[in-house]
């Protein structure tokens, strides 16, 4: 997750310190038409998501993507939203690696989790307007076709490329009909283990602590296995910080002996 999200983890339905990103790349091979069509086929025909609950956003002037969605695939234009405006500092639906370098428009696929989760945003509850749990972004197809210079100029790349990112935890939640990632079979056994070890019920503040432990045990195990060990600098500091936060929430649950290794066995 992002550097400033750590304190949100465990409190809501979808913040994590580690998430698994599914996706695919194309370097100068297939481009928008294939990526969008294959993505739609995977979501609706293979994963069997309800097509009527899917919404799409594109960059404001990406008419090519608009035509692929509406003309080639027959996606209803009323569920397709144009977002972003680079000239006015709005980079929504325009992905950039950094201030300079590869970049390009993207199209995002959102799942409507239902009227019950709508918010009371003053400009309305809608894709691209609010950030509530009703509109769940699950997949982003990035179309890298420009190389941004230091002065902001967008020069065409020698090859048009594709980079997509599909959130595994969110996909699982949608496929299992859950409103929270923590209610899926990725996390339920870990939360239950924290409850068992602490002897407490997963409700209220205690449930938040158990969700923190579930997330953090998973993240720390993955990162240490991948070679990032706890230390006081760089990525090691991040691992240590996550580890200590998990331990603190164990203490909040009344656990005084080492316990994370027992949760980690379950992650494995």
C-alpha atoms as a PDB file:
ATOM      1  CA  UNK A   1       0.000   0.000   0.000  1.00  0.00           C
ATOM      2  CA  UNK A   2       0.922   3.663  -0.033  1.00  0.00           C
ATOM      3  CA  UNK A   3       3.260   5.097   2.597  1.00  0.00           C
ATOM      4  CA  UNK A   4       0.513   7.122   4.262  1.00  0.00           C
ATOM      5  CA  UNK A   5      -2.080   4.342   4.523  1.00  0.00           C
ATOM      6  CA  UNK A   6      -0.575   2.274   7.353  1.00  0.00           C
ATOM      7  CA  UNK A   7      -2.776   3.620  10.125  1.00  0.00           C
ATOM      8  CA  UNK A   8      -5.896   2.885   8.050  1.00  0.00           C
ATOM      9  CA  UNK A   9      -5.104  -0.820   7.722  1.00  0.00           C
ATOM     10  CA  UNK A  10      -7.536  -2.980   9.663  1.00  0.00           C
ATOM     11  CA  UNK A  11     -10.104  -0.226  10.074  1.00  0.00           C
ATOM     12  CA  UNK A  12     -11.870  -0.401   6.716  1.00  0.00           C
ATOM     13  CA  UNK A  13     -12.693  -2.957   4.066  1.00  0.00           C
ATOM     14  CA  UNK A  14      -9.793  -2.634   1.658  1.00  0.00           C
ATOM     15  CA  UNK A  15      -6.598  -1.028   2.966  1.00  0.00           C
ATOM     16  CA  UNK A  16      -3.645  -3.435   3.204  1.00  0.00           C
ATOM     17  CA  UNK A  17       0.078  -3.293   3.796  1.00  0.00           C
ATOM     18  CA  UNK A  18       0.489  -6.016   1.177  1.00  0.00           C
ATOM     19  CA  UNK A  19      -1.809  -6.799  -1.716  1.00  0.00           C
ATOM     20  CA  UNK A  20      -1.322  -9.216  -4.571  1.00  0.00           C
ATOM     21  CA  UNK A  21      -1.502  -7.600  -7.983  1.00  0.00           C
ATOM     22  CA  UNK A  22      -2.603  -9.742 -10.895  1.00  0.00           C
ATOM     23  CA  UNK A  23      -1.957  -8.434 -14.355  1.00  0.00           C
ATOM     24  CA  UNK A  24      -0.263  -8.668 -17.698  1.00  0.00           C
ATOM     25  CA  UNK A  25       2.183  -6.758 -19.855  1.00  0.00           C
ATOM     26  CA  UNK A  26       2.579  -6.155 -23.552  1.00  0.00           C
ATOM     27  CA  UNK A  27       5.643  -4.453 -25.005  1.00  0.00           C
ATOM     28  CA  UNK A  28       4.814  -3.380 -28.554  1.00  0.00           C
ATOM     29  CA  UNK A  29       2.519  -6.354 -29.170  1.00  0.00           C
ATOM     30  CA  UNK A  30      -1.226  -6.175 -28.437  1.00  0.00           C
ATOM     31  CA  UNK A  31      -2.713  -2.878 -27.326  1.00  0.00           C
ATOM     32  CA  UNK A  32      -6.040  -1.338 -26.292  1.00  0.00           C
ATOM     33  CA  UNK A  33      -8.465  -3.412 -28.355  1.00  0.00           C
ATOM     34  CA  UNK A  34      -7.086  -6.769 -27.239  1.00  0.00           C
ATOM     35  CA  UNK A  35      -6.419  -5.792 -23.621  1.00  0.00           C
ATOM     36  CA  UNK A  36      -9.898  -4.386 -23.035  1.00  0.00           C
ATOM     37  CA  UNK A  37     -11.668  -7.251 -24.825  1.00  0.00           C
ATOM     38  CA  UNK A  38      -9.691  -9.963 -23.049  1.00  0.00           C
ATOM     39  CA  UNK A  39     -10.160  -8.237 -19.703  1.00  0.00           C
ATOM     40  CA  UNK A  40     -13.917  -8.013 -20.211  1.00  0.00           C
ATOM     41  CA  UNK A  41     -14.063 -11.670 -21.261  1.00  0.00           C
ATOM     42  CA  UNK A  42     -12.109 -12.763 -18.183  1.00  0.00           C
ATOM     43  CA  UNK A  43     -14.289 -10.809 -15.746  1.00  0.00           C
ATOM     44  CA  UNK A  44     -17.684 -11.650 -17.233  1.00  0.00           C
ATOM     45  CA  UNK A  45     -17.268 -15.061 -18.878  1.00  0.00           C
ATOM     46  CA  UNK A  46     -14.558 -16.731 -16.792  1.00  0.00           C
ATOM     47  CA  UNK A  47     -15.014 -15.127 -13.355  1.00  0.00           C
ATOM     48  CA  UNK A  48     -18.770 -14.729 -13.985  1.00  0.00           C
ATOM     49  CA  UNK A  49     -19.093 -11.200 -12.557  1.00  0.00           C
ATOM     50  CA  UNK A  50     -22.448  -9.553 -13.258  1.00  0.00           C
ATOM     51  CA  UNK A  51     -21.859  -7.354 -16.293  1.00  0.00           C
ATOM     52  CA  UNK A  52     -24.664  -5.010 -15.219  1.00  0.00           C
ATOM     53  CA  UNK A  53     -22.747  -4.142 -12.017  1.00  0.00           C
ATOM     54  CA  UNK A  54     -19.558  -3.151 -13.812  1.00  0.00           C
ATOM     55  CA  UNK A  55     -18.730   0.476 -14.603  1.00  0.00           C
ATOM     56  CA  UNK A  56     -15.829   1.830 -16.642  1.00  0.00           C
ATOM     57  CA  UNK A  57     -13.799   5.026 -16.541  1.00  0.00           C
ATOM     58  CA  UNK A  58     -11.482   6.345 -19.250  1.00  0.00           C
ATOM     59  CA  UNK A  59      -9.316   9.425 -19.684  1.00  0.00           C
ATOM     60  CA  UNK A  60     -11.356  12.407 -20.883  1.00  0.00           C
ATOM     61  CA  UNK A  61     -10.268  12.428 -24.544  1.00  0.00           C
ATOM     62  CA  UNK A  62      -9.458   8.745 -25.046  1.00  0.00           C
ATOM     63  CA  UNK A  63     -11.980   8.246 -27.816  1.00  0.00           C
ATOM     64  CA  UNK A  64     -10.219   5.089 -28.964  1.00  0.00           C
ATOM     65  CA  UNK A  65     -10.972   3.327 -25.667  1.00  0.00           C
ATOM     66  CA  UNK A  66     -14.511   4.740 -25.705  1.00  0.00           C
ATOM     67  CA  UNK A  67     -15.161   3.219 -29.129  1.00  0.00           C
ATOM     68  CA  UNK A  68     -13.670  -0.149 -28.134  1.00  0.00           C
ATOM     69  CA  UNK A  69     -15.897  -0.323 -25.063  1.00  0.00           C
ATOM     70  CA  UNK A  70     -19.112   0.914 -26.638  1.00  0.00           C
ATOM     71  CA  UNK A  71     -18.881  -0.113 -30.308  1.00  0.00           C
ATOM     72  CA  UNK A  72     -16.733  -3.253 -30.240  1.00  0.00           C
ATOM     73  CA  UNK A  73     -17.986  -4.702 -26.946  1.00  0.00           C
ATOM     74  CA  UNK A  74     -21.399  -3.081 -26.729  1.00  0.00           C
ATOM     75  CA  UNK A  75     -20.770  -1.666 -23.260  1.00  0.00           C
ATOM     76  CA  UNK A  76     -23.495   0.862 -22.342  1.00  0.00           C
ATOM     77  CA  UNK A  77     -22.220   4.421 -22.657  1.00  0.00           C
ATOM     78  CA  UNK A  78     -24.275   5.495 -19.635  1.00  0.00           C
ATOM     79  CA  UNK A  79     -22.015   3.380 -17.392  1.00  0.00           C
ATOM     80  CA  UNK A  80     -18.811   4.773 -18.927  1.00  0.00           C
ATOM     81  CA  UNK A  81     -17.283   7.860 -17.303  1.00  0.00           C
ATOM     82  CA  UNK A  82     -14.684  10.224 -18.749  1.00  0.00           C
ATOM     83  CA  UNK A  83     -12.268  11.536 -16.087  1.00  0.00           C
ATOM     84  CA  UNK A  84      -9.076  13.583 -15.774  1.00  0.00           C
ATOM     85  CA  UNK A  85      -7.713  16.797 -17.233  1.00  0.00           C
ATOM     86  CA  UNK A  86      -3.930  17.030 -17.378  1.00  0.00           C
ATOM     87  CA  UNK A  87      -3.988  20.650 -18.493  1.00  0.00           C
ATOM     88  CA  UNK A  88      -5.650  21.559 -15.201  1.00  0.00           C
ATOM     89  CA  UNK A  89      -3.612  19.256 -12.983  1.00  0.00           C
ATOM     90  CA  UNK A  90      -6.091  16.384 -12.826  1.00  0.00           C
ATOM     91  CA  UNK A  91      -4.284  13.127 -13.654  1.00  0.00           C
ATOM     92  CA  UNK A  92      -7.239  10.829 -13.015  1.00  0.00           C
ATOM     93  CA  UNK A  93      -7.194   7.955 -15.542  1.00  0.00           C
ATOM     94  CA  UNK A  94      -3.760   9.003 -16.787  1.00  0.00           C
ATOM     95  CA  UNK A  95      -0.986   6.836 -15.358  1.00  0.00           C
ATOM     96  CA  UNK A  96       2.596   8.036 -14.909  1.00  0.00           C
ATOM     97  CA  UNK A  97       5.635   6.176 -13.618  1.00  0.00           C
ATOM     98  CA  UNK A  98       7.063   9.426 -12.178  1.00  0.00           C
ATOM     99  CA  UNK A  99       7.361  13.115 -13.049  1.00  0.00           C
ATOM    100  CA  UNK A 100       9.180  12.027 -16.193  1.00  0.00           C
ATOM    101  CA  UNK A 101       9.209   8.816 -18.198  1.00  0.00           C
ATOM    102  CA  UNK A 102       6.614   6.385 -19.585  1.00  0.00           C
ATOM    103  CA  UNK A 103       2.969   7.350 -19.158  1.00  0.00           C
ATOM    104  CA  UNK A 104      -0.381   7.185 -20.856  1.00  0.00           C
ATOM    105  CA  UNK A 105      -4.150   6.983 -20.482  1.00  0.00           C
ATOM    106  CA  UNK A 106      -5.798   4.156 -18.627  1.00  0.00           C
ATOM    107  CA  UNK A 107      -9.222   2.580 -18.345  1.00  0.00           C
ATOM    108  CA  UNK A 108     -10.444   1.369 -14.972  1.00  0.00           C
ATOM    109  CA  UNK A 109     -13.145  -1.202 -14.280  1.00  0.00           C
ATOM    110  CA  UNK A 110     -15.282  -0.664 -11.182  1.00  0.00           C
ATOM    111  CA  UNK A 111     -17.754  -2.958  -9.433  1.00  0.00           C
ATOM    112  CA  UNK A 112     -20.957  -1.487  -8.028  1.00  0.00           C
ATOM    113  CA  UNK A 113     -21.329  -2.979  -4.540  1.00  0.00           C
ATOM    114  CA  UNK A 114     -24.842  -1.671  -4.195  1.00  0.00           C
ATOM    115  CA  UNK A 115     -27.058   1.191  -3.152  1.00  0.00           C
ATOM    116  CA  UNK A 116     -26.693   0.273   0.537  1.00  0.00           C
ATOM    117  CA  UNK A 117     -23.059   1.427   0.488  1.00  0.00           C
ATOM    118  CA  UNK A 118     -23.611   4.758  -1.218  1.00  0.00           C
ATOM    119  CA  UNK A 119     -22.255   7.902   0.433  1.00  0.00           C
ATOM    120  CA  UNK A 120     -23.651  11.414   0.816  1.00  0.00           C
ATOM    121  CA  UNK A 121     -20.986  13.248  -1.195  1.00  0.00           C
ATOM    122  CA  UNK A 122     -22.214  16.777  -1.994  1.00  0.00           C
ATOM    123  CA  UNK A 123     -21.561  16.223  -5.711  1.00  0.00           C
ATOM    124  CA  UNK A 124     -23.307  12.884  -5.694  1.00  0.00           C
ATOM    125  CA  UNK A 125     -22.182   9.300  -5.171  1.00  0.00           C
ATOM    126  CA  UNK A 126     -20.658   8.235  -8.466  1.00  0.00           C
ATOM    127  CA  UNK A 127     -17.555   6.779 -10.101  1.00  0.00           C
ATOM    128  CA  UNK A 128     -14.833   9.417 -10.118  1.00  0.00           C
ATOM    129  CA  UNK A 129     -16.700  11.711  -7.729  1.00  0.00           C
ATOM    130  CA  UNK A 130     -16.478  10.029  -4.329  1.00  0.00           C
ATOM    131  CA  UNK A 131     -14.202   7.397  -2.804  1.00  0.00           C
ATOM    132  CA  UNK A 132     -16.749   5.354  -0.902  1.00  0.00           C
ATOM    133  CA  UNK A 133     -17.103   1.584  -0.764  1.00  0.00           C
ATOM    134  CA  UNK A 134     -19.950   1.454  -3.288  1.00  0.00           C
ATOM    135  CA  UNK A 135     -17.673   1.886  -6.308  1.00  0.00           C
ATOM    136  CA  UNK A 136     -14.862  -0.640  -6.030  1.00  0.00           C
ATOM    137  CA  UNK A 137     -12.068  -0.309  -8.572  1.00  0.00           C
ATOM    138  CA  UNK A 138     -10.885  -3.810  -9.379  1.00  0.00           C
ATOM    139  CA  UNK A 139      -8.830  -3.587 -12.575  1.00  0.00           C
ATOM    140  CA  UNK A 140      -6.790  -0.885 -14.280  1.00  0.00           C
ATOM    141  CA  UNK A 141      -5.580  -1.177 -17.878  1.00  0.00           C
ATOM    142  CA  UNK A 142      -2.732   1.283 -18.476  1.00  0.00           C
ATOM    143  CA  UNK A 143      -1.791   2.173 -22.044  1.00  0.00           C
ATOM    144  CA  UNK A 144       1.748   3.533 -22.073  1.00  0.00           C
ATOM    145  CA  UNK A 145       2.317   5.478 -25.251  1.00  0.00           C
ATOM    146  CA  UNK A 146       4.169   8.623 -24.166  1.00  0.00           C
ATOM    147  CA  UNK A 147       7.510   9.588 -22.675  1.00  0.00           C
ATOM    148  CA  UNK A 148       7.051  12.673 -20.491  1.00  0.00           C
ATOM    149  CA  UNK A 149       9.921  15.180 -20.619  1.00  0.00           C
ATOM    150  CA  UNK A 150      11.011  17.488 -17.799  1.00  0.00           C
ATOM    151  CA  UNK A 151       9.080  20.370 -19.369  1.00  0.00           C
ATOM    152  CA  UNK A 152       5.922  18.235 -19.439  1.00  0.00           C
ATOM    153  CA  UNK A 153       6.028  17.498 -23.152  1.00  0.00           C
ATOM    154  CA  UNK A 154       4.569  14.109 -24.086  1.00  0.00           C
ATOM    155  CA  UNK A 155       6.636  12.450 -26.798  1.00  0.00           C
ATOM    156  CA  UNK A 156       5.412   9.198 -28.405  1.00  0.00           C
ATOM    157  CA  UNK A 157       7.206   6.059 -27.220  1.00  0.00           C
ATOM    158  CA  UNK A 158       8.778   3.837 -29.902  1.00  0.00           C
ATOM    159  CA  UNK A 159       6.371   1.051 -28.825  1.00  0.00           C
ATOM    160  CA  UNK A 160       2.866   1.287 -27.425  1.00  0.00           C
ATOM    161  CA  UNK A 161       2.638  -0.960 -24.389  1.00  0.00           C
ATOM    162  CA  UNK A 162       0.095  -2.310 -21.891  1.00  0.00           C
ATOM    163  CA  UNK A 163       0.369  -2.756 -18.125  1.00  0.00           C
ATOM    164  CA  UNK A 164      -2.681  -3.982 -16.244  1.00  0.00           C
ATOM    165  CA  UNK A 165      -3.241  -4.403 -12.519  1.00  0.00           C
ATOM    166  CA  UNK A 166      -6.088  -6.433 -11.015  1.00  0.00           C
ATOM    167  CA  UNK A 167      -6.376  -6.453  -7.208  1.00  0.00           C
ATOM    168  CA  UNK A 168      -6.525 -10.088  -6.090  1.00  0.00           C
ATOM    169  CA  UNK A 169      -8.057  -9.391  -2.666  1.00  0.00           C
ATOM    170  CA  UNK A 170     -10.769  -7.178  -4.157  1.00  0.00           C
ATOM    171  CA  UNK A 171     -11.518  -9.710  -6.881  1.00  0.00           C
ATOM    172  CA  UNK A 172     -11.899 -12.455  -4.273  1.00  0.00           C
ATOM    173  CA  UNK A 173     -14.271 -10.264  -2.242  1.00  0.00           C
ATOM    174  CA  UNK A 174     -16.433  -9.540  -5.283  1.00  0.00           C
ATOM    175  CA  UNK A 175     -16.500 -13.184  -6.394  1.00  0.00           C
ATOM    176  CA  UNK A 176     -17.412 -14.348  -2.880  1.00  0.00           C
ATOM    177  CA  UNK A 177     -20.073 -11.671  -2.458  1.00  0.00           C
ATOM    178  CA  UNK A 178     -18.333  -9.984   0.473  1.00  0.00           C
ATOM    179  CA  UNK A 179     -18.266  -6.264   1.172  1.00  0.00           C
ATOM    180  CA  UNK A 180     -14.940  -6.466   3.034  1.00  0.00           C
ATOM    181  CA  UNK A 181     -11.711  -8.177   2.011  1.00  0.00           C
ATOM    182  CA  UNK A 182     -11.416  -9.374   5.613  1.00  0.00           C
ATOM    183  CA  UNK A 183     -14.617 -11.424   5.226  1.00  0.00           C
ATOM    184  CA  UNK A 184     -13.121 -13.553   2.436  1.00  0.00           C
ATOM    185  CA  UNK A 185     -11.370 -16.874   2.834  1.00  0.00           C
ATOM    186  CA  UNK A 186      -8.041 -15.089   2.379  1.00  0.00           C
ATOM    187  CA  UNK A 187      -8.391 -13.448   5.797  1.00  0.00           C
ATOM    188  CA  UNK A 188     -11.168 -15.178   7.788  1.00  0.00           C
ATOM    189  CA  UNK A 189      -8.893 -18.017   9.020  1.00  0.00           C
ATOM    190  CA  UNK A 190      -6.234 -15.482  10.104  1.00  0.00           C
ATOM    191  CA  UNK A 191      -8.743 -13.340  12.006  1.00  0.00           C
ATOM    192  CA  UNK A 192     -10.138 -16.501  13.613  1.00  0.00           C
ATOM    193  CA  UNK A 193      -6.615 -17.515  14.659  1.00  0.00           C
ATOM    194  CA  UNK A 194      -6.047 -14.127  16.302  1.00  0.00           C
ATOM    195  CA  UNK A 195      -9.371 -14.539  18.101  1.00  0.00           C
ATOM    196  CA  UNK A 196      -8.400 -18.015  19.282  1.00  0.00           C
ATOM    197  CA  UNK A 197      -4.981 -16.913  20.520  1.00  0.00           C
ATOM    198  CA  UNK A 198      -6.400 -13.935  22.390  1.00  0.00           C
ATOM    199  CA  UNK A 199      -9.511 -15.644  23.698  1.00  0.00           C
ATOM    200  CA  UNK A 200     -11.629 -12.707  22.576  1.00  0.00           C
ATOM    201  CA  UNK A 201     -14.492 -12.279  20.135  1.00  0.00           C
ATOM    202  CA  UNK A 202     -13.913 -10.459  16.805  1.00  0.00           C
ATOM    203  CA  UNK A 203     -16.122  -7.461  17.526  1.00  0.00           C
ATOM    204  CA  UNK A 204     -15.554  -3.712  17.826  1.00  0.00           C
ATOM    205  CA  UNK A 205     -12.013  -2.511  18.524  1.00  0.00           C
ATOM    206  CA  UNK A 206     -10.882  -6.093  19.122  1.00  0.00           C
ATOM    207  CA  UNK A 207     -11.932  -7.038  15.583  1.00  0.00           C
ATOM    208  CA  UNK A 208      -9.887  -4.151  14.195  1.00  0.00           C
ATOM    209  CA  UNK A 209      -6.827  -5.423  16.068  1.00  0.00           C
ATOM    210  CA  UNK A 210      -7.413  -8.932  14.742  1.00  0.00           C
ATOM    211  CA  UNK A 211      -7.691  -7.616  11.187  1.00  0.00           C
ATOM    212  CA  UNK A 212      -4.451  -5.684  11.688  1.00  0.00           C
ATOM    213  CA  UNK A 213      -2.743  -8.872  12.828  1.00  0.00           C
ATOM    214  CA  UNK A 214      -4.182 -10.842   9.884  1.00  0.00           C
ATOM    215  CA  UNK A 215      -2.965  -8.276   7.358  1.00  0.00           C
ATOM    216  CA  UNK A 216       0.404  -7.626   8.957  1.00  0.00           C
ATOM    217  CA  UNK A 217       1.327 -11.275   9.514  1.00  0.00           C
ATOM    218  CA  UNK A 218       0.661 -11.899   5.836  1.00  0.00           C
ATOM    219  CA  UNK A 219       2.652  -8.844   4.729  1.00  0.00           C
ATOM    220  CA  UNK A 220       5.660  -9.477   6.973  1.00  0.00           C
ATOM    221  CA  UNK A 221       5.845 -13.141   5.967  1.00  0.00           C
ATOM    222  CA  UNK A 222       5.749 -12.297   2.251  1.00  0.00           C
ATOM    223  CA  UNK A 223       8.351  -9.516   2.509  1.00  0.00           C
ATOM    224  CA  UNK A 224      10.813 -11.405   4.715  1.00  0.00           C
ATOM    225  CA  UNK A 225      10.516 -14.449   2.448  1.00  0.00           C
ATOM    226  CA  UNK A 226      11.299 -12.134  -0.459  1.00  0.00           C
ATOM    227  CA  UNK A 227      14.480 -10.967   1.258  1.00  0.00           C
ATOM    228  CA  UNK A 228      13.472  -7.730   3.015  1.00  0.00           C
ATOM    229  CA  UNK A 229      14.378  -8.247   6.655  1.00  0.00           C
ATOM    230  CA  UNK A 230      13.502  -5.916   9.562  1.00  0.00           C
ATOM    231  CA  UNK A 231      16.049  -3.150  10.161  1.00  0.00           C
ATOM    232  CA  UNK A 232      16.203   0.535  11.024  1.00  0.00           C
ATOM    233  CA  UNK A 233      16.524   1.913   7.495  1.00  0.00           C
ATOM    234  CA  UNK A 234      15.030   1.673   4.020  1.00  0.00           C
ATOM    235  CA  UNK A 235      12.627  -1.114   3.217  1.00  0.00           C
ATOM    236  CA  UNK A 236      13.762  -2.947   6.356  1.00  0.00           C
ATOM    237  CA  UNK A 237      12.383  -0.096   8.444  1.00  0.00           C
ATOM    238  CA  UNK A 238       8.988  -0.525   6.781  1.00  0.00           C
ATOM    239  CA  UNK A 239       9.009  -4.241   7.610  1.00  0.00           C
ATOM    240  CA  UNK A 240      10.002  -3.508  11.207  1.00  0.00           C
ATOM    241  CA  UNK A 241       7.292  -0.885  11.537  1.00  0.00           C
ATOM    242  CA  UNK A 242       4.623  -3.302  10.288  1.00  0.00           C
ATOM    243  CA  UNK A 243       5.946  -6.025  12.594  1.00  0.00           C
ATOM    244  CA  UNK A 244       5.852  -3.735  15.631  1.00  0.00           C
ATOM    245  CA  UNK A 245       2.350  -2.520  14.808  1.00  0.00           C
ATOM    246  CA  UNK A 246       1.141  -6.121  14.651  1.00  0.00           C
ATOM    247  CA  UNK A 247       2.774  -6.869  18.004  1.00  0.00           C
ATOM    248  CA  UNK A 248       1.189  -3.767  19.558  1.00  0.00           C
ATOM    249  CA  UNK A 249      -2.271  -4.856  18.466  1.00  0.00           C
ATOM    250  CA  UNK A 250      -1.562  -8.257  19.995  1.00  0.00           C
ATOM    251  CA  UNK A 251      -0.838  -6.493  23.281  1.00  0.00           C
ATOM    252  CA  UNK A 252      -4.115  -4.574  22.917  1.00  0.00           C
ATOM    253  CA  UNK A 253      -5.801  -7.981  22.783  1.00  0.00           C
ATOM    254  CA  UNK A 254      -4.031  -9.027  25.979  1.00  0.00           C
ATOM    255  CA  UNK A 255      -1.361 -11.242  24.409  1.00  0.00           C
ATOM    256  CA  UNK A 256       1.999 -10.971  26.155  1.00  0.00           C
ATOM    257  CA  UNK A 257       3.866 -13.909  24.586  1.00  0.00           C
ATOM    258  CA  UNK A 258       5.148 -14.077  20.988  1.00  0.00           C
ATOM    259  CA  UNK A 259       2.199 -14.999  18.786  1.00  0.00           C
ATOM    260  CA  UNK A 260       2.811 -13.835  15.214  1.00  0.00           C
ATOM    261  CA  UNK A 261       4.724 -16.984  14.311  1.00  0.00           C
ATOM    262  CA  UNK A 262       1.579 -18.992  15.017  1.00  0.00           C
ATOM    263  CA  UNK A 263      -0.420 -16.806  12.639  1.00  0.00           C
ATOM    264  CA  UNK A 264       2.370 -17.060  10.068  1.00  0.00           C
ATOM    265  CA  UNK A 265       2.065 -20.862  10.071  1.00  0.00           C
ATOM    266  CA  UNK A 266      -1.496 -20.404   8.905  1.00  0.00           C
ATOM    267  CA  UNK A 267      -0.442 -17.930   6.182  1.00  0.00           C
ATOM    268  CA  UNK A 268       2.033 -20.511   4.886  1.00  0.00           C
END
